[in-house]
Amino acid sequence: MISSALRRRGARRDPAFAFRLKLFFLVCVTIAAIYGAWSVKPRILLIQGGPAIFALVLTVLAS
């Protein structure tokens, strides 16, 4: 679905699609950090989740 949308519209031509794509991947990294902190080591949330959450907040504020 994502690859067909990229071919049809392209992220460069559609800023709304590019924004949704950024949010999707930043949320995926944040969820992975939360799961890693819960299952392995709490420090993972700081190391992996910190920058992802920071980037997520800045991306939302920039829109």
Protein backbone atom coordinates (compact mmCIF):
# COMPACT_ATOMS: atom_id res chain seq x y z
CA MET A 1 0.00 0.00 0.00
CA ILE A 2 2.73 2.47 0.88
CA SER A 3 4.83 1.66 -2.19
CA SER A 4 1.85 2.08 -4.52
CA ALA A 5 1.03 5.40 -2.89
CA LEU A 6 4.64 6.50 -3.33
CA ARG A 7 4.53 5.60 -7.01
CA ARG A 8 1.20 7.29 -7.60
CA ARG A 9 1.68 10.53 -5.72
CA GLY A 10 5.19 10.55 -4.36
CA ALA A 11 6.11 11.91 -0.96
CA ARG A 12 7.88 14.87 -2.52
CA ARG A 13 4.77 16.03 -4.33
CA ASP A 14 2.32 15.48 -1.49
CA PRO A 15 3.36 17.15 1.78
CA ALA A 16 0.42 15.65 3.69
CA PHE A 17 1.50 12.14 2.72
CA ALA A 18 5.10 12.89 3.67
CA PHE A 19 3.93 14.17 7.07
CA ARG A 20 1.86 11.03 7.71
CA LEU A 21 4.79 8.84 6.68
CA LYS A 22 7.12 10.66 9.10
CA LEU A 23 4.61 10.29 11.91
CA PHE A 24 4.14 6.60 11.18
CA PHE A 25 7.83 5.76 11.38
CA LEU A 26 8.48 7.94 14.42
CA VAL A 27 5.58 6.28 16.25
CA CYS A 28 6.95 2.85 15.26
CA VAL A 29 10.35 3.70 16.75
CA THR A 30 8.70 5.06 19.90
CA ILE A 31 6.61 1.91 20.34
CA ALA A 32 9.70 -0.25 19.82
CA ALA A 33 11.54 1.76 22.48
CA ILE A 34 8.66 1.38 24.94
CA TYR A 35 8.54 -2.36 24.32
CA GLY A 36 12.31 -2.65 24.65
CA ALA A 37 12.26 -0.72 27.90
CA TRP A 38 9.52 -2.95 29.25
CA SER A 39 11.01 -6.25 28.16
CA VAL A 40 14.79 -5.76 28.24
CA LYS A 41 16.20 -2.65 29.84
CA PRO A 42 14.56 0.64 30.90
CA ARG A 43 17.52 2.59 29.55
CA ILE A 44 16.41 1.73 26.00
CA LEU A 45 13.55 4.19 26.40
CA LEU A 46 16.02 7.00 26.99
CA ILE A 47 18.52 5.99 24.31
CA GLN A 48 16.12 5.00 21.51
CA GLY A 49 12.85 6.59 22.55
CA GLY A 50 14.19 9.96 23.64
CA PRO A 51 15.30 11.15 20.22
CA ALA A 52 12.23 9.61 18.57
CA ILE A 53 9.84 11.34 20.95
CA PHE A 54 11.75 14.60 20.55
CA ALA A 55 11.58 14.32 16.75
CA LEU A 56 7.90 13.40 16.95
CA VAL A 57 7.11 16.50 19.01
CA LEU A 58 9.11 18.75 16.69
CA THR A 59 7.46 17.23 13.61
CA VAL A 60 3.98 17.84 15.02
CA LEU A 61 4.86 21.39 16.09
CA ALA A 62 6.33 22.17 12.66
CA SER A 63 3.15 21.20 10.84
